[in-house]
Amino acid sequence: MFYSFTEKFGKPVCVILYAAFAALAVKVTWIPLAALALMHFCEYIIIGYKTAKRNNTGFLTGIINCLAFGFTWWLPIKRSSEK
């Protein structure tokens, strides 16, 4: 159930979070937006890079997808390659 939810709604949820945190950064503080971006960057270093390389996704495409969508872009790719 988690995987099907992630595949259907994960990317829109990430976009909504970034929009909310960007609005918060403009009005109150930039810390949540920076934390989200830093978390996604660390996620790319830990697992996104390996997944992108294994599936012949370019470096720039991989890092942009990971920064924008977090695990919702690489989890379906990783699951489909394991089957």
PDB file of N, CA and C in Angstrom:
ATOM      1  N   MET A   1       0.817  -1.192   0.000  1.00  0.00           N
ATOM      2  CA  MET A   1       0.000   0.000   0.000  1.00  0.00           C
ATOM      3  C   MET A   1       0.862   1.258   0.000  1.00  0.00           C
ATOM      4  N   PHE A   2       1.933   1.261   0.784  1.00  0.00           N
ATOM      5  CA  PHE A   2       2.826   2.426   0.832  1.00  0.00           C
ATOM      6  C   PHE A   2       3.437   2.704  -0.534  1.00  0.00           C
ATOM      7  N   TYR A   3       3.848   1.626  -1.229  1.00  0.00           N
ATOM      8  CA  TYR A   3       4.492   1.814  -2.526  1.00  0.00           C
ATOM      9  C   TYR A   3       3.518   2.360  -3.555  1.00  0.00           C
ATOM     10  N   SER A   4       2.308   1.869  -3.563  1.00  0.00           N
ATOM     11  CA  SER A   4       1.334   2.379  -4.531  1.00  0.00           C
ATOM     12  C   SER A   4       0.971   3.832  -4.214  1.00  0.00           C
ATOM     13  N   PHE A   5       0.874   4.183  -2.937  1.00  0.00           N
ATOM     14  CA  PHE A   5       0.616   5.579  -2.560  1.00  0.00           C
ATOM     15  C   PHE A   5       1.777   6.464  -3.000  1.00  0.00           C
ATOM     16  N   THR A   6       2.998   5.984  -2.776  1.00  0.00           N
ATOM     17  CA  THR A   6       4.178   6.750  -3.155  1.00  0.00           C
ATOM     18  C   THR A   6       4.228   6.981  -4.653  1.00  0.00           C
ATOM     19  N   GLU A   7       3.940   5.943  -5.428  1.00  0.00           N
ATOM     20  CA  GLU A   7       3.976   6.078  -6.885  1.00  0.00           C
ATOM     21  C   GLU A   7       2.913   7.045  -7.391  1.00  0.00           C
ATOM     22  N   LYS A   8       1.752   7.061  -6.764  1.00  0.00           N
ATOM     23  CA  LYS A   8       0.652   7.921  -7.230  1.00  0.00           C
ATOM     24  C   LYS A   8       0.748   9.340  -6.703  1.00  0.00           C
ATOM     25  N   PHE A   9       1.060   9.508  -5.441  1.00  0.00           N
ATOM     26  CA  PHE A   9       0.942  10.810  -4.799  1.00  0.00           C
ATOM     27  C   PHE A   9       2.249  11.383  -4.258  1.00  0.00           C
ATOM     28  N   GLY A  10       3.336  10.654  -4.350  1.00  0.00           N
ATOM     29  CA  GLY A  10       4.593  11.108  -3.754  1.00  0.00           C
ATOM     30  C   GLY A  10       5.121  12.401  -4.345  1.00  0.00           C
ATOM     31  N   LYS A  11       5.169  12.484  -5.667  1.00  0.00           N
ATOM     32  CA  LYS A  11       5.713  13.684  -6.305  1.00  0.00           C
ATOM     33  C   LYS A  11       4.851  14.913  -6.055  1.00  0.00           C
ATOM     34  N   PRO A  12       3.520  14.820  -6.177  1.00  0.00           N
ATOM     35  CA  PRO A  12       2.717  16.005  -5.848  1.00  0.00           C
ATOM     36  C   PRO A  12       2.869  16.446  -4.384  1.00  0.00           C
ATOM     37  N   VAL A  13       3.003  15.498  -3.481  1.00  0.00           N
ATOM     38  CA  VAL A  13       3.201  15.845  -2.072  1.00  0.00           C
ATOM     39  C   VAL A  13       4.514  16.594  -1.893  1.00  0.00           C
ATOM     40  N   CYS A  14       5.571  16.154  -2.582  1.00  0.00           N
ATOM     41  CA  CYS A  14       6.860  16.849  -2.493  1.00  0.00           C
ATOM     42  C   CYS A  14       6.758  18.264  -3.040  1.00  0.00           C
ATOM     43  N   VAL A  15       6.055  18.433  -4.145  1.00  0.00           N
ATOM     44  CA  VAL A  15       5.878  19.772  -4.725  1.00  0.00           C
ATOM     45  C   VAL A  15       5.113  20.671  -3.757  1.00  0.00           C
ATOM     46  N   ILE A  16       4.093  20.137  -3.132  1.00  0.00           N
ATOM     47  CA  ILE A  16       3.310  20.913  -2.158  1.00  0.00           C
ATOM     48  C   ILE A  16       4.178  21.296  -0.955  1.00  0.00           C
ATOM     49  N   LEU A  17       5.001  20.362  -0.483  1.00  0.00           N
ATOM     50  CA  LEU A  17       5.897  20.666   0.642  1.00  0.00           C
ATOM     51  C   LEU A  17       6.886  21.772   0.284  1.00  0.00           C
ATOM     52  N   TYR A  18       7.486  21.673  -0.892  1.00  0.00           N
ATOM     53  CA  TYR A  18       8.421  22.722  -1.307  1.00  0.00           C
ATOM     54  C   TYR A  18       7.713  24.065  -1.425  1.00  0.00           C
ATOM     55  N   ALA A  19       6.506  24.075  -1.988  1.00  0.00           N
ATOM     56  CA  ALA A  19       5.769  25.332  -2.122  1.00  0.00           C
ATOM     57  C   ALA A  19       5.445  25.920  -0.747  1.00  0.00           C
ATOM     58  N   ALA A  20       5.003  25.073   0.175  1.00  0.00           N
ATOM     59  CA  ALA A  20       4.674  25.538   1.521  1.00  0.00           C
ATOM     60  C   ALA A  20       5.924  26.057   2.236  1.00  0.00           C
ATOM     61  N   PHE A  21       7.031  25.317   2.117  1.00  0.00           N
ATOM     62  CA  PHE A  21       8.265  25.741   2.780  1.00  0.00           C
ATOM     63  C   PHE A  21       8.851  26.987   2.123  1.00  0.00           C
ATOM     64  N   ALA A  22       8.670  27.144   0.807  1.00  0.00           N
ATOM     65  CA  ALA A  22       9.136  28.363   0.138  1.00  0.00           C
ATOM     66  C   ALA A  22       8.329  29.568   0.608  1.00  0.00           C
ATOM     67  N   ALA A  23       7.026  29.400   0.733  1.00  0.00           N
ATOM     68  CA  ALA A  23       6.188  30.492   1.253  1.00  0.00           C
ATOM     69  C   ALA A  23       6.579  30.818   2.690  1.00  0.00           C
ATOM     70  N   LEU A  24       6.852  29.793   3.466  1.00  0.00           N
ATOM     71  CA  LEU A  24       7.295  30.000   4.847  1.00  0.00           C
ATOM     72  C   LEU A  24       8.648  30.717   4.873  1.00  0.00           C
ATOM     73  N   ALA A  25       9.521  30.369   3.935  1.00  0.00           N
ATOM     74  CA  ALA A  25      10.837  31.006   3.878  1.00  0.00           C
ATOM     75  C   ALA A  25      10.721  32.492   3.568  1.00  0.00           C
ATOM     76  N   VAL A  26       9.776  32.856   2.727  1.00  0.00           N
ATOM     77  CA  VAL A  26       9.590  34.262   2.378  1.00  0.00           C
ATOM     78  C   VAL A  26       9.015  35.042   3.558  1.00  0.00           C
ATOM     79  N   LYS A  27       8.068  34.439   4.272  1.00  0.00           N
ATOM     80  CA  LYS A  27       7.358  35.166   5.320  1.00  0.00           C
ATOM     81  C   LYS A  27       7.983  35.039   6.711  1.00  0.00           C
ATOM     82  N   VAL A  28       8.543  33.863   7.039  1.00  0.00           N
ATOM     83  CA  VAL A  28       8.986  33.639   8.422  1.00  0.00           C
ATOM     84  C   VAL A  28      10.468  33.272   8.492  1.00  0.00           C
ATOM     85  N   THR A  29      10.805  32.046   8.062  1.00  0.00           N
ATOM     86  CA  THR A  29      12.178  31.564   8.181  1.00  0.00           C
ATOM     87  C   THR A  29      12.504  30.606   7.043  1.00  0.00           C
ATOM     88  N   TRP A  30      13.755  30.559   6.680  1.00  0.00           N
ATOM     89  CA  TRP A  30      14.215  29.715   5.584  1.00  0.00           C
ATOM     90  C   TRP A  30      14.647  28.334   6.054  1.00  0.00           C
ATOM     91  N   ILE A  31      14.684  28.090   7.343  1.00  0.00           N
ATOM     92  CA  ILE A  31      15.235  26.855   7.901  1.00  0.00           C
ATOM     93  C   ILE A  31      14.507  25.590   7.410  1.00  0.00           C
ATOM     94  N   PRO A  32      13.168  25.518   7.399  1.00  0.00           N
ATOM     95  CA  PRO A  32      12.524  24.296   6.900  1.00  0.00           C
ATOM     96  C   PRO A  32      12.844  23.998   5.426  1.00  0.00           C
ATOM     97  N   LEU A  33      12.902  25.030   4.601  1.00  0.00           N
ATOM     98  CA  LEU A  33      13.233  24.844   3.190  1.00  0.00           C
ATOM     99  C   LEU A  33      14.667  24.349   3.031  1.00  0.00           C
ATOM    100  N   ALA A  34      15.578  24.929   3.768  1.00  0.00           N
ATOM    101  CA  ALA A  34      16.976  24.494   3.716  1.00  0.00           C
ATOM    102  C   ALA A  34      17.134  23.069   4.245  1.00  0.00           C
ATOM    103  N   ALA A  35      16.405  22.740   5.300  1.00  0.00           N
ATOM    104  CA  ALA A  35      16.475  21.384   5.861  1.00  0.00           C
ATOM    105  C   ALA A  35      15.952  20.359   4.863  1.00  0.00           C
ATOM    106  N   LEU A  36      14.866  20.671   4.175  1.00  0.00           N
ATOM    107  CA  LEU A  36      14.311  19.752   3.179  1.00  0.00           C
ATOM    108  C   LEU A  36      15.284  19.548   2.027  1.00  0.00           C
ATOM    109  N   ALA A  37      15.865  20.624   1.534  1.00  0.00           N
ATOM    110  CA  ALA A  37      16.831  20.522   0.442  1.00  0.00           C
ATOM    111  C   ALA A  37      18.085  19.757   0.886  1.00  0.00           C
ATOM    112  N   LEU A  38      18.570  20.014   2.085  1.00  0.00           N
ATOM    113  CA  LEU A  38      19.743  19.310   2.602  1.00  0.00           C
ATOM    114  C   LEU A  38      19.456  17.822   2.793  1.00  0.00           C
ATOM    115  N   MET A  39      18.281  17.509   3.298  1.00  0.00           N
ATOM    116  CA  MET A  39      17.897  16.113   3.479  1.00  0.00           C
ATOM    117  C   MET A  39      17.861  15.384   2.135  1.00  0.00           C
ATOM    118  N   HIS A  40      17.281  16.012   1.118  1.00  0.00           N
ATOM    119  CA  HIS A  40      17.210  15.383  -0.198  1.00  0.00           C
ATOM    120  C   HIS A  40      18.598  15.267  -0.828  1.00  0.00           C
ATOM    121  N   PHE A  41      19.472  16.236  -0.605  1.00  0.00           N
ATOM    122  CA  PHE A  41      20.832  16.143  -1.123  1.00  0.00           C
ATOM    123  C   PHE A  41      21.581  14.986  -0.472  1.00  0.00           C
ATOM    124  N   CYS A  42      21.451  14.839   0.833  1.00  0.00           N
ATOM    125  CA  CYS A  42      22.083  13.709   1.535  1.00  0.00           C
ATOM    126  C   CYS A  42      21.516  12.377   1.046  1.00  0.00           C
ATOM    127  N   GLU A  43      20.237  12.362   0.786  1.00  0.00           N
ATOM    128  CA  GLU A  43      19.591  11.158   0.265  1.00  0.00           C
ATOM    129  C   GLU A  43      20.173  10.791  -1.103  1.00  0.00           C
ATOM    130  N   TYR A  44      20.455  11.795  -1.916  1.00  0.00           N
ATOM    131  CA  TYR A  44      21.065  11.522  -3.220  1.00  0.00           C
ATOM    132  C   TYR A  44      22.445  10.905  -3.037  1.00  0.00           C
ATOM    133  N   ILE A  45      23.220  11.443  -2.110  1.00  0.00           N
ATOM    134  CA  ILE A  45      24.566  10.913  -1.878  1.00  0.00           C
ATOM    135  C   ILE A  45      24.500   9.470  -1.389  1.00  0.00           C
ATOM    136  N   ILE A  46      23.561   9.164  -0.507  1.00  0.00           N
ATOM    137  CA  ILE A  46      23.477   7.833   0.099  1.00  0.00           C
ATOM    138  C   ILE A  46      22.936   6.790  -0.870  1.00  0.00           C
ATOM    139  N   ILE A  47      21.845   7.078  -1.557  1.00  0.00           N
ATOM    140  CA  ILE A  47      21.218   6.045  -2.389  1.00  0.00           C
ATOM    141  C   ILE A  47      20.832   6.502  -3.789  1.00  0.00           C
ATOM    142  N   GLY A  48      20.528   7.764  -3.955  1.00  0.00           N
ATOM    143  CA  GLY A  48      20.083   8.253  -5.256  1.00  0.00           C
ATOM    144  C   GLY A  48      21.137   8.117  -6.335  1.00  0.00           C
ATOM    145  N   TYR A  49      22.391   8.378  -5.990  1.00  0.00           N
ATOM    146  CA  TYR A  49      23.479   8.272  -6.962  1.00  0.00           C
ATOM    147  C   TYR A  49      23.620   6.843  -7.469  1.00  0.00           C
ATOM    148  N   LYS A  50      23.598   5.882  -6.550  1.00  0.00           N
ATOM    149  CA  LYS A  50      23.729   4.476  -6.940  1.00  0.00           C
ATOM    150  C   LYS A  50      22.569   4.053  -7.844  1.00  0.00           C
ATOM    151  N   THR A  51      21.367   4.469  -7.488  1.00  0.00           N
ATOM    152  CA  THR A  51      20.194   4.121  -8.274  1.00  0.00           C
ATOM    153  C   THR A  51      20.253   4.765  -9.656  1.00  0.00           C
ATOM    154  N   ALA A  52      20.647   6.023  -9.717  1.00  0.00           N
ATOM    155  CA  ALA A  52      20.759   6.714 -11.004  1.00  0.00           C
ATOM    156  C   ALA A  52      21.814   6.052 -11.887  1.00  0.00           C
ATOM    157  N   LYS A  53      22.943   5.717 -11.303  1.00  0.00           N
ATOM    158  CA  LYS A  53      24.024   5.090 -12.069  1.00  0.00           C
ATOM    159  C   LYS A  53      23.608   3.707 -12.576  1.00  0.00           C
ATOM    160  N   ARG A  54      22.946   2.931 -11.730  1.00  0.00           N
ATOM    161  CA  ARG A  54      22.515   1.594 -12.093  1.00  0.00           C
ATOM    162  C   ARG A  54      21.489   1.613 -13.234  1.00  0.00           C
ATOM    163  N   ASN A  55      20.704   2.686 -13.322  1.00  0.00           N
ATOM    164  CA  ASN A  55      19.653   2.771 -14.334  1.00  0.00           C
ATOM    165  C   ASN A  55      19.991   3.750 -15.460  1.00  0.00           C
ATOM    166  N   ASN A  56      21.277   4.069 -15.596  1.00  0.00           N
ATOM    167  CA  ASN A  56      21.762   4.943 -16.667  1.00  0.00           C
ATOM    168  C   ASN A  56      21.053   6.285 -16.713  1.00  0.00           C
ATOM    169  N   THR A  57      20.759   6.819 -15.553  1.00  0.00           N
ATOM    170  CA  THR A  57      20.221   8.169 -15.447  1.00  0.00           C
ATOM    171  C   THR A  57      21.414   9.091 -15.234  1.00  0.00           C
ATOM    172  N   GLY A  58      21.455  10.173 -15.945  1.00  0.00           N
ATOM    173  CA  GLY A  58      22.581  11.090 -15.830  1.00  0.00           C
ATOM    174  C   GLY A  58      22.684  11.707 -14.441  1.00  0.00           C
ATOM    175  N   PHE A  59      23.883  12.220 -14.154  1.00  0.00           N
ATOM    176  CA  PHE A  59      24.135  12.834 -12.847  1.00  0.00           C
ATOM    177  C   PHE A  59      23.179  13.988 -12.597  1.00  0.00           C
ATOM    178  N   LEU A  60      23.065  14.889 -13.572  1.00  0.00           N
ATOM    179  CA  LEU A  60      22.228  16.070 -13.384  1.00  0.00           C
ATOM    180  C   LEU A  60      20.754  15.692 -13.220  1.00  0.00           C
ATOM    181  N   THR A  61      20.286  14.770 -14.033  1.00  0.00           N
ATOM    182  CA  THR A  61      18.897  14.317 -13.917  1.00  0.00           C
ATOM    183  C   THR A  61      18.650  13.673 -12.561  1.00  0.00           C
ATOM    184  N   GLY A  62      19.579  12.844 -12.128  1.00  0.00           N
ATOM    185  CA  GLY A  62      19.440  12.178 -10.838  1.00  0.00           C
ATOM    186  C   GLY A  62      19.405  13.141  -9.670  1.00  0.00           C
ATOM    187  N   ILE A  63      20.303  14.101  -9.670  1.00  0.00           N
ATOM    188  CA  ILE A  63      20.352  15.024  -8.538  1.00  0.00           C
ATOM    189  C   ILE A  63      19.146  15.969  -8.544  1.00  0.00           C
ATOM    190  N   ILE A  64      18.713  16.407  -9.712  1.00  0.00           N
ATOM    191  CA  ILE A  64      17.526  17.276  -9.775  1.00  0.00           C
ATOM    192  C   ILE A  64      16.292  16.517  -9.304  1.00  0.00           C
ATOM    193  N   ASN A  65      16.129  15.280  -9.765  1.00  0.00           N
ATOM    194  CA  ASN A  65      14.983  14.483  -9.320  1.00  0.00           C
ATOM    195  C   ASN A  65      15.018  14.226  -7.826  1.00  0.00           C
ATOM    196  N   CYS A  66      16.199  13.939  -7.301  1.00  0.00           N
ATOM    197  CA  CYS A  66      16.295  13.657  -5.865  1.00  0.00           C
ATOM    198  C   CYS A  66      16.054  14.917  -5.045  1.00  0.00           C
ATOM    199  N   LEU A  67      16.585  16.050  -5.487  1.00  0.00           N
ATOM    200  CA  LEU A  67      16.346  17.290  -4.760  1.00  0.00           C
ATOM    201  C   LEU A  67      14.878  17.683  -4.811  1.00  0.00           C
ATOM    202  N   ALA A  68      14.236  17.438  -5.933  1.00  0.00           N
ATOM    203  CA  ALA A  68      12.836  17.842  -6.080  1.00  0.00           C
ATOM    204  C   ALA A  68      11.868  16.848  -5.451  1.00  0.00           C
ATOM    205  N   PHE A  69      12.140  15.559  -5.618  1.00  0.00           N
ATOM    206  CA  PHE A  69      11.143  14.552  -5.243  1.00  0.00           C
ATOM    207  C   PHE A  69      11.596  13.559  -4.183  1.00  0.00           C
ATOM    208  N   GLY A  70      12.826  13.631  -3.730  1.00  0.00           N
ATOM    209  CA  GLY A  70      13.286  12.719  -2.682  1.00  0.00           C
ATOM    210  C   GLY A  70      13.193  11.265  -3.100  1.00  0.00           C
ATOM    211  N   PHE A  71      12.782  10.425  -2.179  1.00  0.00           N
ATOM    212  CA  PHE A  71      12.737   8.991  -2.464  1.00  0.00           C
ATOM    213  C   PHE A  71      11.625   8.611  -3.433  1.00  0.00           C
ATOM    214  N   THR A  72      10.711   9.516  -3.721  1.00  0.00           N
ATOM    215  CA  THR A  72       9.590   9.157  -4.593  1.00  0.00           C
ATOM    216  C   THR A  72      10.018   8.975  -6.041  1.00  0.00           C
ATOM    217  N   TRP A  73      11.201   9.435  -6.427  1.00  0.00           N
ATOM    218  CA  TRP A  73      11.642   9.176  -7.798  1.00  0.00           C
ATOM    219  C   TRP A  73      12.466   7.905  -7.892  1.00  0.00           C
ATOM    220  N   TRP A  74      13.281   7.592  -6.879  1.00  0.00           N
ATOM    221  CA  TRP A  74      14.139   6.419  -7.019  1.00  0.00           C
ATOM    222  C   TRP A  74      13.524   5.144  -6.459  1.00  0.00           C
ATOM    223  N   LEU A  75      12.574   5.238  -5.550  1.00  0.00           N
ATOM    224  CA  LEU A  75      11.993   4.025  -4.977  1.00  0.00           C
ATOM    225  C   LEU A  75      11.282   3.162  -6.022  1.00  0.00           C
ATOM    226  N   PRO A  76      10.430   3.721  -6.881  1.00  0.00           N
ATOM    227  CA  PRO A  76       9.809   2.870  -7.917  1.00  0.00           C
ATOM    228  C   PRO A  76      10.830   2.276  -8.887  1.00  0.00           C
ATOM    229  N   ILE A  77      11.871   3.041  -9.218  1.00  0.00           N
ATOM    230  CA  ILE A  77      12.920   2.527 -10.107  1.00  0.00           C
ATOM    231  C   ILE A  77      13.640   1.370  -9.442  1.00  0.00           C
ATOM    232  N   LYS A  78      13.981   1.543  -8.190  1.00  0.00           N
ATOM    233  CA  LYS A  78      14.698   0.487  -7.457  1.00  0.00           C
ATOM    234  C   LYS A  78      13.834  -0.762  -7.314  1.00  0.00           C
ATOM    235  N   ARG A  79      12.556  -0.585  -7.013  1.00  0.00           N
ATOM    236  CA  ARG A  79      11.651  -1.730  -6.873  1.00  0.00           C
ATOM    237  C   ARG A  79      11.489  -2.481  -8.177  1.00  0.00           C
ATOM    238  N   SER A  80      11.363  -1.760  -9.300  1.00  0.00           N
ATOM    239  CA  SER A  80      11.164  -2.429 -10.584  1.00  0.00           C
ATOM    240  C   SER A  80      12.435  -3.158 -11.043  1.00  0.00           C
ATOM    241  N   SER A  81      13.605  -2.654 -10.685  1.00  0.00           N
ATOM    242  CA  SER A  81      14.847  -3.327 -11.075  1.00  0.00           C
ATOM    243  C   SER A  81      15.126  -4.543 -10.206  1.00  0.00           C
ATOM    244  N   GLU A  82      14.540  -4.607  -9.005  1.00  0.00           N
ATOM    245  CA  GLU A  82      14.752  -5.762  -8.123  1.00  0.00           C
ATOM    246  C   GLU A  82      13.867  -6.939  -8.472  1.00  0.00           C
ATOM    247  N   LYS A  83      12.778  -6.672  -9.183  1.00  0.00           N
ATOM    248  CA  LYS A  83      11.838  -7.767  -9.507  1.00  0.00           C
ATOM    249  C   LYS A  83      12.354  -8.641 -10.598  1.00  0.00           C
TER     250      LYS A  83
END
